[in-house]
Amino acid sequence: METVYQVIYSPQVAIKQKLSELLIDAYQQYYTEIKDLNGLTLIEVLYFNQISSDYYCLGFSLAHDSSNVNANDIKMLFEDGMNDAEFIDAVFKFQDPFLNQHLEKLYNEIHNIELRLREVISFIFTDTYKQDFYNVLYELNIKPMYDDDKLNKDPVKRREYLKKKLENEFFYLLFSHYIWFNDLANIDIGNIIAYLQKNIDFDGFRQKVLSRGINKEVYEDFITSLKSNLNNI
């Protein structure tokens, strides 16, 4: 594992040696005795450039011992040392394996939340519409984000596509879409045809028009609660 930095520093400084000293100082803040630690072996120069007569730019990587449970804390102390060093004007960090691990964990947590939400939302829409389970968003102002936008216009191809992947429309929505599950689209000729196809008699058609969307109170309450909860995510 290694972290990649770029530093801007004064030209008269032996920069790699100075960085090594900062690294050893960071280790010494954790360990009272350090044996056989050579900071120079942990620092690898990646590139070098003279910006002007006043400043040089150095790109370097810092190797980490992945078995050391304090490795990230030591790295942070090293970064504090660089920020405090008078000979360094600026420090930038471009790769950080510890940050990557944290973000990966965070991503997995968010992904699990999203999957559970999909399950609940799928149940709600399945129970509400009770048929045509690959086309339950037709009443809403929501457009799934398929790789091929034609799937939004072709219900037959959409059904085949989703069925093969064991997915439904909710797999192609963002969190931001989830707060619009009660945002009904205006009734147009396409909606009327869809209603007529699903309702043979006029009374059934009329009832469907008057009860569009999610209308069970418990489901409405859940969808309403999504707005505040998803804003936190």
C-alpha atoms as a PDB file:
ATOM      1  CA  MET A   1       0.000   0.000   0.000  1.00  0.00           C
ATOM      2  CA  GLU A   2       1.178   3.488  -0.753  1.00  0.00           C
ATOM      3  CA  THR A   3      -0.035   7.066  -0.628  1.00  0.00           C
ATOM      4  CA  VAL A   4       0.904   9.509  -3.387  1.00  0.00           C
ATOM      5  CA  TYR A   5       1.711  13.155  -2.678  1.00  0.00           C
ATOM      6  CA  GLN A   6       2.853  16.248  -4.503  1.00  0.00           C
ATOM      7  CA  VAL A   7       4.794  18.900  -2.589  1.00  0.00           C
ATOM      8  CA  ILE A   8       5.881  22.405  -3.545  1.00  0.00           C
ATOM      9  CA  TYR A   9       9.053  23.385  -1.690  1.00  0.00           C
ATOM     10  CA  SER A  10      12.025  25.731  -1.529  1.00  0.00           C
ATOM     11  CA  PRO A  11      14.874  24.817  -3.924  1.00  0.00           C
ATOM     12  CA  GLN A  12      17.705  24.885  -1.412  1.00  0.00           C
ATOM     13  CA  VAL A  13      16.277  21.950   0.577  1.00  0.00           C
ATOM     14  CA  ALA A  14      17.377  18.298   0.323  1.00  0.00           C
ATOM     15  CA  ILE A  15      13.735  17.354   0.081  1.00  0.00           C
ATOM     16  CA  LYS A  16      13.872  13.560   0.247  1.00  0.00           C
ATOM     17  CA  GLN A  17      16.062  13.656   3.341  1.00  0.00           C
ATOM     18  CA  LYS A  18      13.762  16.218   4.955  1.00  0.00           C
ATOM     19  CA  LEU A  19      10.702  14.093   4.189  1.00  0.00           C
ATOM     20  CA  SER A  20      12.460  11.075   5.672  1.00  0.00           C
ATOM     21  CA  GLU A  21      13.101  13.012   8.871  1.00  0.00           C
ATOM     22  CA  LEU A  22       9.438  14.028   9.066  1.00  0.00           C
ATOM     23  CA  LEU A  23       8.421  10.399   8.601  1.00  0.00           C
ATOM     24  CA  ILE A  24      10.771   9.159  11.318  1.00  0.00           C
ATOM     25  CA  ASP A  25       9.435  11.867  13.633  1.00  0.00           C
ATOM     26  CA  ALA A  26       5.892  10.622  12.967  1.00  0.00           C
ATOM     27  CA  TYR A  27       6.938   7.069  13.891  1.00  0.00           C
ATOM     28  CA  GLN A  28       8.662   8.303  17.035  1.00  0.00           C
ATOM     29  CA  GLN A  29       5.430   9.895  18.230  1.00  0.00           C
ATOM     30  CA  TYR A  30       4.006   6.366  18.352  1.00  0.00           C
ATOM     31  CA  TYR A  31       7.014   4.305  19.331  1.00  0.00           C
ATOM     32  CA  THR A  32       9.600   5.260  21.945  1.00  0.00           C
ATOM     33  CA  GLU A  33      12.237   3.112  20.258  1.00  0.00           C
ATOM     34  CA  ILE A  34      12.606   2.545  16.533  1.00  0.00           C
ATOM     35  CA  LYS A  35      15.119   0.039  15.201  1.00  0.00           C
ATOM     36  CA  ASP A  36      16.313  -0.178  11.614  1.00  0.00           C
ATOM     37  CA  LEU A  37      13.843   2.372  10.285  1.00  0.00           C
ATOM     38  CA  ASN A  38      15.114   4.141   7.207  1.00  0.00           C
ATOM     39  CA  GLY A  39      12.589   6.665   6.027  1.00  0.00           C
ATOM     40  CA  LEU A  40      14.370   6.965   2.692  1.00  0.00           C
ATOM     41  CA  THR A  41      13.427   3.392   1.767  1.00  0.00           C
ATOM     42  CA  LEU A  42       9.725   4.130   2.307  1.00  0.00           C
ATOM     43  CA  ILE A  43       9.735   7.225   0.096  1.00  0.00           C
ATOM     44  CA  GLU A  44       9.951   6.853  -3.678  1.00  0.00           C
ATOM     45  CA  VAL A  45      10.368   9.888  -5.914  1.00  0.00           C
ATOM     46  CA  LEU A  46       7.966   9.708  -8.853  1.00  0.00           C
ATOM     47  CA  TYR A  47       8.762  12.960 -10.654  1.00  0.00           C
ATOM     48  CA  PHE A  48      10.478  16.292 -10.177  1.00  0.00           C
ATOM     49  CA  ASN A  49      10.039  19.719 -11.759  1.00  0.00           C
ATOM     50  CA  GLN A  50      11.520  23.161 -11.214  1.00  0.00           C
ATOM     51  CA  ILE A  51       8.567  25.541 -11.290  1.00  0.00           C
ATOM     52  CA  SER A  52      10.587  28.724 -10.905  1.00  0.00           C
ATOM     53  CA  SER A  53      13.693  30.033  -9.224  1.00  0.00           C
ATOM     54  CA  ASP A  54      11.728  30.003  -5.972  1.00  0.00           C
ATOM     55  CA  TYR A  55       9.909  26.665  -6.042  1.00  0.00           C
ATOM     56  CA  TYR A  56      10.324  23.020  -6.981  1.00  0.00           C
ATOM     57  CA  CYS A  57       7.596  20.420  -7.383  1.00  0.00           C
ATOM     58  CA  LEU A  58       8.105  16.828  -6.257  1.00  0.00           C
ATOM     59  CA  GLY A  59       5.773  13.872  -6.664  1.00  0.00           C
ATOM     60  CA  PHE A  60       6.447  10.940  -4.366  1.00  0.00           C
ATOM     61  CA  SER A  61       4.859   7.854  -2.885  1.00  0.00           C
ATOM     62  CA  LEU A  62       4.954   6.734   0.732  1.00  0.00           C
ATOM     63  CA  ALA A  63       4.881   2.983   1.345  1.00  0.00           C
ATOM     64  CA  HIS A  64       2.854   1.619   4.275  1.00  0.00           C
ATOM     65  CA  ASP A  65       3.108  -1.559   6.279  1.00  0.00           C
ATOM     66  CA  SER A  66      -0.389  -2.999   5.931  1.00  0.00           C
ATOM     67  CA  SER A  67       0.185  -5.204   8.980  1.00  0.00           C
ATOM     68  CA  ASN A  68       0.781  -2.150  11.197  1.00  0.00           C
ATOM     69  CA  VAL A  69      -2.525  -1.233  12.850  1.00  0.00           C
ATOM     70  CA  ASN A  70      -1.189   2.301  13.433  1.00  0.00           C
ATOM     71  CA  ALA A  71      -0.151   2.867   9.814  1.00  0.00           C
ATOM     72  CA  ASN A  72      -2.928   5.342   9.042  1.00  0.00           C
ATOM     73  CA  ASP A  73      -2.324   7.340  12.226  1.00  0.00           C
ATOM     74  CA  ILE A  74       1.391   7.517  11.424  1.00  0.00           C
ATOM     75  CA  LYS A  75       0.576   8.677   7.902  1.00  0.00           C
ATOM     76  CA  MET A  76      -1.642  11.440   9.292  1.00  0.00           C
ATOM     77  CA  LEU A  77       1.126  12.585  11.647  1.00  0.00           C
ATOM     78  CA  PHE A  78       3.500  12.654   8.678  1.00  0.00           C
ATOM     79  CA  GLU A  79       1.005  14.804   6.783  1.00  0.00           C
ATOM     80  CA  ASP A  80       0.727  17.164   9.752  1.00  0.00           C
ATOM     81  CA  GLY A  81       4.505  17.404   9.751  1.00  0.00           C
ATOM     82  CA  MET A  82       4.591  18.349   6.077  1.00  0.00           C
ATOM     83  CA  ASN A  83       1.913  20.996   6.594  1.00  0.00           C
ATOM     84  CA  ASP A  84       3.873  22.497   9.493  1.00  0.00           C
ATOM     85  CA  ALA A  85       7.265  22.382   7.751  1.00  0.00           C
ATOM     86  CA  GLU A  86       8.526  25.849   6.838  1.00  0.00           C
ATOM     87  CA  PHE A  87      10.330  24.608   3.717  1.00  0.00           C
ATOM     88  CA  ILE A  88       7.111  23.186   2.206  1.00  0.00           C
ATOM     89  CA  ASP A  89       4.753  25.713   0.659  1.00  0.00           C
ATOM     90  CA  ALA A  90       1.967  23.298  -0.352  1.00  0.00           C
ATOM     91  CA  VAL A  91       1.063  19.603  -0.101  1.00  0.00           C
ATOM     92  CA  PHE A  92      -1.469  17.723  -2.235  1.00  0.00           C
ATOM     93  CA  LYS A  93      -2.583  14.121  -1.813  1.00  0.00           C
ATOM     94  CA  PHE A  94      -3.839  12.145  -4.815  1.00  0.00           C
ATOM     95  CA  GLN A  95      -3.964   8.518  -3.706  1.00  0.00           C
ATOM     96  CA  ASP A  96      -4.724   7.218  -0.223  1.00  0.00           C
ATOM     97  CA  PRO A  97      -5.386   3.490   0.362  1.00  0.00           C
ATOM     98  CA  PHE A  98      -6.805   4.171   3.823  1.00  0.00           C
ATOM     99  CA  LEU A  99      -9.311   6.651   2.418  1.00  0.00           C
ATOM    100  CA  ASN A 100     -10.144   4.150  -0.322  1.00  0.00           C
ATOM    101  CA  GLN A 101     -10.899   1.508   2.311  1.00  0.00           C
ATOM    102  CA  HIS A 102     -13.148   3.922   4.168  1.00  0.00           C
ATOM    103  CA  LEU A 103     -14.980   4.919   0.984  1.00  0.00           C
ATOM    104  CA  GLU A 104     -15.364   1.278  -0.029  1.00  0.00           C
ATOM    105  CA  LYS A 105     -16.928   0.489   3.336  1.00  0.00           C
ATOM    106  CA  LEU A 106     -19.204   3.524   3.024  1.00  0.00           C
ATOM    107  CA  TYR A 107     -20.175   2.521  -0.510  1.00  0.00           C
ATOM    108  CA  ASN A 108     -21.059  -1.004   0.626  1.00  0.00           C
ATOM    109  CA  GLU A 109     -23.236   0.389   3.412  1.00  0.00           C
ATOM    110  CA  ILE A 110     -25.056   2.703   0.998  1.00  0.00           C
ATOM    111  CA  HIS A 111     -25.425  -0.115  -1.530  1.00  0.00           C
ATOM    112  CA  ASN A 112     -26.992  -2.359   1.110  1.00  0.00           C
ATOM    113  CA  ILE A 113     -29.407   0.425   2.077  1.00  0.00           C
ATOM    114  CA  GLU A 114     -30.329   0.870  -1.574  1.00  0.00           C
ATOM    115  CA  LEU A 115     -30.975  -2.852  -2.071  1.00  0.00           C
ATOM    116  CA  ARG A 116     -33.234  -2.988   0.968  1.00  0.00           C
ATOM    117  CA  LEU A 117     -35.097   0.093  -0.232  1.00  0.00           C
ATOM    118  CA  ARG A 118     -35.563  -1.518  -3.635  1.00  0.00           C
ATOM    119  CA  GLU A 119     -37.018  -4.575  -1.978  1.00  0.00           C
ATOM    120  CA  VAL A 120     -39.513  -2.544   0.065  1.00  0.00           C
ATOM    121  CA  ILE A 121     -40.454  -0.271  -2.837  1.00  0.00           C
ATOM    122  CA  SER A 122     -40.855  -3.277  -5.142  1.00  0.00           C
ATOM    123  CA  PHE A 123     -43.222  -4.838  -2.617  1.00  0.00           C
ATOM    124  CA  ILE A 124     -45.257  -1.624  -2.374  1.00  0.00           C
ATOM    125  CA  PHE A 125     -45.635  -1.218  -6.135  1.00  0.00           C
ATOM    126  CA  THR A 126     -46.271  -4.933  -6.688  1.00  0.00           C
ATOM    127  CA  ASP A 127     -49.040  -4.879  -4.099  1.00  0.00           C
ATOM    128  CA  THR A 128     -50.463  -1.663  -5.542  1.00  0.00           C
ATOM    129  CA  TYR A 129     -50.548  -2.502  -9.249  1.00  0.00           C
ATOM    130  CA  LYS A 130     -50.838  -6.320  -8.993  1.00  0.00           C
ATOM    131  CA  GLN A 131     -49.901  -6.896 -12.661  1.00  0.00           C
ATOM    132  CA  ASP A 132     -47.430  -5.926 -15.386  1.00  0.00           C
ATOM    133  CA  PHE A 133     -44.601  -5.963 -12.850  1.00  0.00           C
ATOM    134  CA  TYR A 134     -41.940  -4.648 -15.243  1.00  0.00           C
ATOM    135  CA  ASN A 135     -43.990  -1.524 -15.981  1.00  0.00           C
ATOM    136  CA  VAL A 136     -45.209  -0.056 -12.689  1.00  0.00           C
ATOM    137  CA  LEU A 137     -43.895   3.498 -13.087  1.00  0.00           C
ATOM    138  CA  TYR A 138     -46.106   4.511 -15.990  1.00  0.00           C
ATOM    139  CA  GLU A 139     -48.245   6.801 -13.790  1.00  0.00           C
ATOM    140  CA  LEU A 140     -45.292   8.745 -12.384  1.00  0.00           C
ATOM    141  CA  ASN A 141     -42.948  11.503 -13.535  1.00  0.00           C
ATOM    142  CA  ILE A 142     -40.000   9.146 -13.135  1.00  0.00           C
ATOM    143  CA  LYS A 143     -37.822   7.833 -15.937  1.00  0.00           C
ATOM    144  CA  PRO A 144     -35.465   4.907 -15.174  1.00  0.00           C
ATOM    145  CA  MET A 145     -31.876   5.475 -16.306  1.00  0.00           C
ATOM    146  CA  TYR A 146     -31.304   2.533 -18.634  1.00  0.00           C
ATOM    147  CA  ASP A 147     -28.157   2.350 -20.744  1.00  0.00           C
ATOM    148  CA  ASP A 148     -30.491   2.193 -23.729  1.00  0.00           C
ATOM    149  CA  ASP A 149     -33.190   4.866 -23.447  1.00  0.00           C
ATOM    150  CA  LYS A 150     -35.335   2.932 -25.930  1.00  0.00           C
ATOM    151  CA  LEU A 151     -36.238   0.593 -23.076  1.00  0.00           C
ATOM    152  CA  ASN A 152     -38.331   3.401 -21.594  1.00  0.00           C
ATOM    153  CA  LYS A 153     -40.454   3.442 -24.747  1.00  0.00           C
ATOM    154  CA  ASP A 154     -40.659  -0.270 -25.544  1.00  0.00           C
ATOM    155  CA  PRO A 155     -42.379  -2.273 -22.760  1.00  0.00           C
ATOM    156  CA  VAL A 156     -41.771  -5.604 -24.509  1.00  0.00           C
ATOM    157  CA  LYS A 157     -38.009  -5.113 -24.816  1.00  0.00           C
ATOM    158  CA  ARG A 158     -37.918  -3.650 -21.302  1.00  0.00           C
ATOM    159  CA  ARG A 159     -39.623  -6.712 -19.878  1.00  0.00           C
ATOM    160  CA  GLU A 160     -37.212  -9.049 -21.678  1.00  0.00           C
ATOM    161  CA  TYR A 161     -34.215  -7.002 -20.555  1.00  0.00           C
ATOM    162  CA  LEU A 162     -35.240  -6.793 -16.890  1.00  0.00           C
ATOM    163  CA  LYS A 163     -36.465 -10.374 -16.714  1.00  0.00           C
ATOM    164  CA  LYS A 164     -33.133 -11.714 -17.965  1.00  0.00           C
ATOM    165  CA  LYS A 165     -31.243  -9.695 -15.333  1.00  0.00           C
ATOM    166  CA  LEU A 166     -33.681 -10.588 -12.512  1.00  0.00           C
ATOM    167  CA  GLU A 167     -34.317  -6.881 -12.012  1.00  0.00           C
ATOM    168  CA  ASN A 168     -37.146  -4.377 -12.181  1.00  0.00           C
ATOM    169  CA  GLU A 169     -37.392  -0.668 -12.946  1.00  0.00           C
ATOM    170  CA  PHE A 170     -36.213   0.302  -9.458  1.00  0.00           C
ATOM    171  CA  PHE A 171     -32.700  -0.996 -10.183  1.00  0.00           C
ATOM    172  CA  TYR A 172     -32.286   1.923 -12.577  1.00  0.00           C
ATOM    173  CA  LEU A 173     -33.310   4.755 -10.293  1.00  0.00           C
ATOM    174  CA  LEU A 174     -31.152   7.068  -8.213  1.00  0.00           C
ATOM    175  CA  PHE A 175     -31.831   7.901  -4.579  1.00  0.00           C
ATOM    176  CA  SER A 176     -33.076  11.269  -5.816  1.00  0.00           C
ATOM    177  CA  HIS A 177     -35.864   9.502  -7.715  1.00  0.00           C
ATOM    178  CA  TYR A 178     -37.168   7.840  -4.566  1.00  0.00           C
ATOM    179  CA  ILE A 179     -38.660  11.042  -3.222  1.00  0.00           C
ATOM    180  CA  TRP A 180     -40.888  11.400  -6.310  1.00  0.00           C
ATOM    181  CA  PHE A 181     -42.930   8.231  -5.930  1.00  0.00           C
ATOM    182  CA  ASN A 182     -46.036  10.320  -5.251  1.00  0.00           C
ATOM    183  CA  ASP A 183     -45.448  12.695  -8.177  1.00  0.00           C
ATOM    184  CA  LEU A 184     -48.136  11.639 -10.658  1.00  0.00           C
ATOM    185  CA  ALA A 185     -47.781  12.399 -14.347  1.00  0.00           C
ATOM    186  CA  ASN A 186     -50.533  14.243 -16.172  1.00  0.00           C
ATOM    187  CA  ILE A 187     -53.069  11.946 -17.771  1.00  0.00           C
ATOM    188  CA  ASP A 188     -52.452  11.821 -21.524  1.00  0.00           C
ATOM    189  CA  ILE A 189     -53.681   9.558 -24.273  1.00  0.00           C
ATOM    190  CA  GLY A 190     -51.001   7.002 -23.456  1.00  0.00           C
ATOM    191  CA  ASN A 191     -52.182   6.794 -19.848  1.00  0.00           C
ATOM    192  CA  ILE A 192     -55.814   6.517 -20.930  1.00  0.00           C
ATOM    193  CA  ILE A 193     -55.014   3.650 -23.285  1.00  0.00           C
ATOM    194  CA  ALA A 194     -53.076   1.914 -20.506  1.00  0.00           C
ATOM    195  CA  TYR A 195     -56.009   2.299 -18.109  1.00  0.00           C
ATOM    196  CA  LEU A 196     -58.488   1.022 -20.704  1.00  0.00           C
ATOM    197  CA  GLN A 197     -56.308  -2.010 -21.356  1.00  0.00           C
ATOM    198  CA  LYS A 198     -56.367  -2.851 -17.667  1.00  0.00           C
ATOM    199  CA  ASN A 199     -60.059  -2.040 -17.030  1.00  0.00           C
ATOM    200  CA  ILE A 200     -62.858  -3.451 -19.195  1.00  0.00           C
ATOM    201  CA  ASP A 201     -65.853  -1.504 -17.845  1.00  0.00           C
ATOM    202  CA  PHE A 202     -66.236   2.246 -17.430  1.00  0.00           C
ATOM    203  CA  ASP A 203     -66.675   2.096 -13.647  1.00  0.00           C
ATOM    204  CA  GLY A 204     -63.402   0.246 -13.326  1.00  0.00           C
ATOM    205  CA  PHE A 205     -61.732   2.797 -15.591  1.00  0.00           C
ATOM    206  CA  ARG A 206     -63.176   5.686 -13.573  1.00  0.00           C
ATOM    207  CA  GLN A 207     -62.079   4.140 -10.287  1.00  0.00           C
ATOM    208  CA  LYS A 208     -58.571   3.635 -11.611  1.00  0.00           C
ATOM    209  CA  VAL A 209     -58.280   7.254 -12.713  1.00  0.00           C
ATOM    210  CA  LEU A 210     -59.466   8.506  -9.320  1.00  0.00           C
ATOM    211  CA  SER A 211     -57.131   6.223  -7.375  1.00  0.00           C
ATOM    212  CA  ARG A 212     -53.919   6.587  -9.322  1.00  0.00           C
ATOM    213  CA  GLY A 213     -50.570   6.020  -7.657  1.00  0.00           C
ATOM    214  CA  ILE A 214     -49.776   4.671  -4.207  1.00  0.00           C
ATOM    215  CA  ASN A 215     -52.923   5.063  -2.137  1.00  0.00           C
ATOM    216  CA  LYS A 216     -52.573   2.814   0.910  1.00  0.00           C
ATOM    217  CA  GLU A 217     -51.949   5.028   3.913  1.00  0.00           C
ATOM    218  CA  VAL A 218     -49.126   2.898   5.301  1.00  0.00           C
ATOM    219  CA  TYR A 219     -47.361   2.998   1.925  1.00  0.00           C
ATOM    220  CA  GLU A 220     -47.933   6.735   1.529  1.00  0.00           C
ATOM    221  CA  ASP A 221     -46.457   7.359   4.988  1.00  0.00           C
ATOM    222  CA  PHE A 222     -43.384   5.300   4.143  1.00  0.00           C
ATOM    223  CA  ILE A 223     -42.786   7.099   0.848  1.00  0.00           C
ATOM    224  CA  THR A 224     -43.236  10.469   2.548  1.00  0.00           C
ATOM    225  CA  SER A 225     -40.665   9.484   5.180  1.00  0.00           C
ATOM    226  CA  LEU A 226     -38.133   8.734   2.436  1.00  0.00           C
ATOM    227  CA  LYS A 227     -37.753  12.426   1.625  1.00  0.00           C
ATOM    228  CA  SER A 228     -36.178  13.386   4.940  1.00  0.00           C
ATOM    229  CA  ASN A 229     -34.216  10.155   5.379  1.00  0.00           C
ATOM    230  CA  LEU A 230     -32.698  10.150   1.892  1.00  0.00           C
ATOM    231  CA  ASN A 231     -31.652  13.787   2.242  1.00  0.00           C
ATOM    232  CA  ASN A 232     -29.340  12.628   5.033  1.00  0.00           C
ATOM    233  CA  ILE A 233     -27.746  10.073   2.710  1.00  0.00           C
END
